[in-house]
Amino acid sequence: MNITVCLHDVLKERAAAAGNKEHSKLDLVMPAGATAADLLDQLSLPQSRIGMIVTDGSRVGFDYRLKDRDVIQLFAPLAGG
C-alpha cells in the first residue's frame, strides 16, 4: 500500500539525509497490515523520537493499522518551559 509521510520539526532532517529534496515529505510502499510502529522501523526512527502521529486530523498510536493512501504526519516531542 502507498503511504505519504510528512515529517515535522527536527524530523525533517531525516528526509534531507535520505536525499529527499522536499525535506519533509516521503512516499513509501508498506506491506498490507503494517502499523505506524512498522512505518517508524522502516524510517529507522525510534518511537522515543516521536511525540505525536496524526492521520485524517486525528491522533493515532503506534498500533494504528495503516491504510492505502494514508497521509501520516509525524511530530517530534515538544520541549520547552
N, C-alpha and C. Protein backbone atom coordinates (compact mmCIF):
# COMPACT_ATOMS: atom_id res chain seq x y z
N MET A 1 0.84 -1.17 0.00
CA MET A 1 0.00 0.00 0.00
C MET A 1 0.88 1.23 0.00
N ASN A 2 0.38 2.30 -0.58
CA ASN A 2 1.14 3.55 -0.70
C ASN A 2 0.80 4.48 0.46
N ILE A 3 1.83 4.99 1.08
CA ILE A 3 1.71 5.86 2.24
C ILE A 3 2.52 7.12 1.98
N THR A 4 1.98 8.27 2.38
CA THR A 4 2.75 9.51 2.37
C THR A 4 3.05 9.88 3.81
N VAL A 5 4.30 10.16 4.08
CA VAL A 5 4.73 10.54 5.42
C VAL A 5 5.19 11.99 5.38
N CYS A 6 4.63 12.81 6.25
CA CYS A 6 5.03 14.21 6.38
C CYS A 6 5.78 14.36 7.69
N LEU A 7 7.02 14.77 7.60
CA LEU A 7 7.86 14.95 8.78
C LEU A 7 7.86 16.41 9.19
N HIS A 8 7.72 16.63 10.47
CA HIS A 8 7.68 17.99 11.01
C HIS A 8 8.81 18.18 12.02
N ASP A 9 9.12 19.43 12.26
CA ASP A 9 10.11 19.80 13.26
C ASP A 9 11.49 19.23 12.89
N VAL A 10 12.21 18.73 13.85
CA VAL A 10 13.56 18.21 13.60
C VAL A 10 13.55 16.92 12.79
N LEU A 11 12.40 16.30 12.64
CA LEU A 11 12.32 15.07 11.85
C LEU A 11 12.56 15.34 10.36
N LYS A 12 12.42 16.59 9.94
CA LYS A 12 12.69 16.95 8.54
C LYS A 12 14.13 16.60 8.15
N GLU A 13 15.04 16.68 9.10
CA GLU A 13 16.44 16.36 8.84
C GLU A 13 16.60 14.94 8.35
N ARG A 14 15.72 14.05 8.82
CA ARG A 14 15.75 12.65 8.43
C ARG A 14 15.53 12.52 6.92
N ALA A 15 14.56 13.26 6.41
CA ALA A 15 14.26 13.23 4.97
C ALA A 15 15.41 13.83 4.17
N ALA A 16 15.98 14.91 4.67
CA ALA A 16 17.09 15.55 3.97
C ALA A 16 18.29 14.60 3.90
N ALA A 17 18.55 13.89 4.97
CA ALA A 17 19.67 12.95 5.00
C ALA A 17 19.45 11.80 4.02
N ALA A 18 18.17 11.47 3.77
CA ALA A 18 17.84 10.39 2.84
C ALA A 18 17.83 10.88 1.39
N GLY A 19 18.11 12.16 1.18
CA GLY A 19 18.19 12.70 -0.17
C GLY A 19 16.88 13.19 -0.73
N ASN A 20 15.85 13.32 0.12
CA ASN A 20 14.56 13.82 -0.35
C ASN A 20 14.64 15.32 -0.50
N LYS A 21 14.43 15.82 -1.71
CA LYS A 21 14.59 17.25 -2.00
C LYS A 21 13.58 18.11 -1.26
N GLU A 22 12.41 17.54 -1.01
CA GLU A 22 11.38 18.33 -0.34
C GLU A 22 11.64 18.43 1.17
N HIS A 23 12.46 17.57 1.69
CA HIS A 23 12.90 17.57 3.09
C HIS A 23 11.81 17.30 4.12
N SER A 24 10.58 17.14 3.71
CA SER A 24 9.56 16.91 4.72
C SER A 24 8.51 15.90 4.31
N LYS A 25 8.58 15.41 3.09
CA LYS A 25 7.54 14.52 2.59
C LYS A 25 8.16 13.30 1.91
N LEU A 26 7.72 12.12 2.33
CA LEU A 26 8.24 10.87 1.76
C LEU A 26 7.07 10.02 1.28
N ASP A 27 7.18 9.44 0.12
CA ASP A 27 6.20 8.48 -0.38
C ASP A 27 6.80 7.09 -0.24
N LEU A 28 6.10 6.22 0.49
CA LEU A 28 6.61 4.88 0.78
C LEU A 28 5.58 3.83 0.39
N VAL A 29 6.07 2.63 0.15
CA VAL A 29 5.20 1.47 -0.05
C VAL A 29 5.38 0.59 1.18
N MET A 30 4.27 0.27 1.83
CA MET A 30 4.29 -0.57 3.03
C MET A 30 3.46 -1.82 2.77
N PRO A 31 3.79 -2.93 3.43
CA PRO A 31 3.02 -4.15 3.24
C PRO A 31 1.63 -4.04 3.90
N ALA A 32 0.69 -4.78 3.38
CA ALA A 32 -0.65 -4.82 3.99
C ALA A 32 -0.53 -5.26 5.44
N GLY A 33 -1.31 -4.64 6.31
CA GLY A 33 -1.30 -4.98 7.73
C GLY A 33 -0.25 -4.25 8.54
N ALA A 34 0.54 -3.40 7.89
CA ALA A 34 1.60 -2.67 8.61
C ALA A 34 0.99 -1.64 9.55
N THR A 35 1.70 -1.39 10.63
CA THR A 35 1.26 -0.42 11.63
C THR A 35 2.15 0.82 11.59
N ALA A 36 1.76 1.82 12.36
CA ALA A 36 2.58 3.02 12.48
C ALA A 36 3.96 2.66 13.05
N ALA A 37 4.02 1.70 13.96
CA ALA A 37 5.31 1.25 14.51
C ALA A 37 6.18 0.64 13.40
N ASP A 38 5.57 -0.12 12.50
CA ASP A 38 6.31 -0.68 11.36
C ASP A 38 6.85 0.43 10.47
N LEU A 39 6.05 1.46 10.29
CA LEU A 39 6.48 2.61 9.49
C LEU A 39 7.71 3.27 10.11
N LEU A 40 7.68 3.45 11.42
CA LEU A 40 8.83 4.05 12.11
C LEU A 40 10.07 3.17 11.95
N ASP A 41 9.89 1.85 12.03
CA ASP A 41 11.01 0.94 11.81
C ASP A 41 11.57 1.12 10.41
N GLN A 42 10.68 1.24 9.41
CA GLN A 42 11.10 1.43 8.02
C GLN A 42 11.93 2.71 7.88
N LEU A 43 11.58 3.74 8.65
CA LEU A 43 12.28 5.02 8.60
C LEU A 43 13.48 5.09 9.54
N SER A 44 13.72 4.01 10.28
CA SER A 44 14.78 3.96 11.30
C SER A 44 14.61 5.06 12.34
N LEU A 45 13.37 5.31 12.71
CA LEU A 45 13.06 6.29 13.76
C LEU A 45 12.59 5.56 15.01
N PRO A 46 13.31 5.70 16.11
CA PRO A 46 12.83 5.08 17.35
C PRO A 46 11.55 5.76 17.85
N GLN A 47 10.68 4.99 18.46
CA GLN A 47 9.43 5.54 18.98
C GLN A 47 9.67 6.69 19.95
N SER A 48 10.78 6.67 20.64
CA SER A 48 11.07 7.74 21.61
C SER A 48 11.31 9.09 20.93
N ARG A 49 11.56 9.10 19.61
CA ARG A 49 11.77 10.36 18.87
C ARG A 49 10.46 10.94 18.33
N ILE A 50 9.35 10.23 18.58
CA ILE A 50 8.05 10.65 18.06
C ILE A 50 7.16 11.13 19.20
N GLY A 51 6.70 12.36 19.08
CA GLY A 51 5.80 12.91 20.09
C GLY A 51 4.34 12.70 19.75
N MET A 52 4.05 12.69 18.43
CA MET A 52 2.66 12.55 18.01
C MET A 52 2.60 12.05 16.57
N ILE A 53 1.63 11.16 16.33
CA ILE A 53 1.33 10.66 14.99
C ILE A 53 -0.10 11.08 14.68
N VAL A 54 -0.30 11.71 13.53
CA VAL A 54 -1.63 12.20 13.15
C VAL A 54 -1.96 11.70 11.75
N THR A 55 -3.20 11.25 11.57
CA THR A 55 -3.72 10.94 10.24
C THR A 55 -5.19 11.31 10.21
N ASP A 56 -5.63 11.86 9.12
CA ASP A 56 -7.03 12.27 8.95
C ASP A 56 -7.49 13.22 10.06
N GLY A 57 -6.58 14.04 10.56
CA GLY A 57 -6.92 15.01 11.58
C GLY A 57 -7.05 14.44 12.98
N SER A 58 -6.72 13.16 13.14
CA SER A 58 -6.82 12.52 14.46
C SER A 58 -5.48 11.97 14.90
N ARG A 59 -5.24 12.08 16.18
CA ARG A 59 -4.02 11.50 16.75
C ARG A 59 -4.22 9.99 16.83
N VAL A 60 -3.18 9.24 16.44
CA VAL A 60 -3.24 7.78 16.49
C VAL A 60 -2.01 7.26 17.23
N GLY A 61 -2.08 6.01 17.62
CA GLY A 61 -0.99 5.39 18.35
C GLY A 61 -0.08 4.56 17.46
N PHE A 62 0.94 3.99 18.07
CA PHE A 62 1.91 3.18 17.34
C PHE A 62 1.27 1.91 16.77
N ASP A 63 0.15 1.49 17.35
CA ASP A 63 -0.53 0.28 16.89
C ASP A 63 -1.53 0.55 15.75
N TYR A 64 -1.65 1.80 15.30
CA TYR A 64 -2.56 2.15 14.22
C TYR A 64 -2.22 1.36 12.96
N ARG A 65 -3.22 0.70 12.37
CA ARG A 65 -3.03 -0.05 11.12
C ARG A 65 -3.13 0.91 9.94
N LEU A 66 -2.06 0.97 9.18
CA LEU A 66 -2.00 1.86 8.02
C LEU A 66 -3.00 1.42 6.96
N LYS A 67 -3.52 2.42 6.24
CA LYS A 67 -4.43 2.15 5.13
C LYS A 67 -3.81 2.73 3.85
N ASP A 68 -4.17 2.14 2.72
CA ASP A 68 -3.67 2.63 1.45
C ASP A 68 -4.01 4.11 1.30
N ARG A 69 -3.03 4.87 0.87
CA ARG A 69 -3.13 6.32 0.63
C ARG A 69 -3.24 7.14 1.91
N ASP A 70 -2.92 6.55 3.06
CA ASP A 70 -2.85 7.34 4.29
C ASP A 70 -1.80 8.43 4.14
N VAL A 71 -2.08 9.56 4.74
CA VAL A 71 -1.08 10.62 4.91
C VAL A 71 -0.79 10.68 6.40
N ILE A 72 0.40 10.29 6.77
CA ILE A 72 0.81 10.20 8.17
C ILE A 72 1.69 11.40 8.50
N GLN A 73 1.30 12.14 9.51
CA GLN A 73 2.06 13.29 9.99
C GLN A 73 2.85 12.85 11.24
N LEU A 74 4.15 13.03 11.21
CA LEU A 74 4.99 12.68 12.36
C LEU A 74 5.58 13.94 12.97
N PHE A 75 5.39 14.08 14.27
CA PHE A 75 5.89 15.25 15.01
C PHE A 75 6.85 14.78 16.09
N ALA A 76 7.90 15.54 16.29
CA ALA A 76 8.85 15.28 17.37
C ALA A 76 8.21 15.69 18.70
N PRO A 77 8.72 15.14 19.81
CA PRO A 77 8.21 15.56 21.12
C PRO A 77 8.45 17.06 21.32
N LEU A 78 7.53 17.70 21.99
CA LEU A 78 7.66 19.12 22.30
C LEU A 78 8.52 19.28 23.54
N ALA A 79 9.30 20.34 23.54
CA ALA A 79 10.14 20.63 24.71
C ALA A 79 10.07 22.13 24.98
N GLY A 80 10.37 22.49 26.14
CA GLY A 80 10.38 23.91 26.47
C GLY A 80 9.93 24.12 27.90
N GLY A 81 9.71 25.34 28.20
CA GLY A 81 9.31 25.61 29.57
C GLY A 81 8.70 26.97 29.71
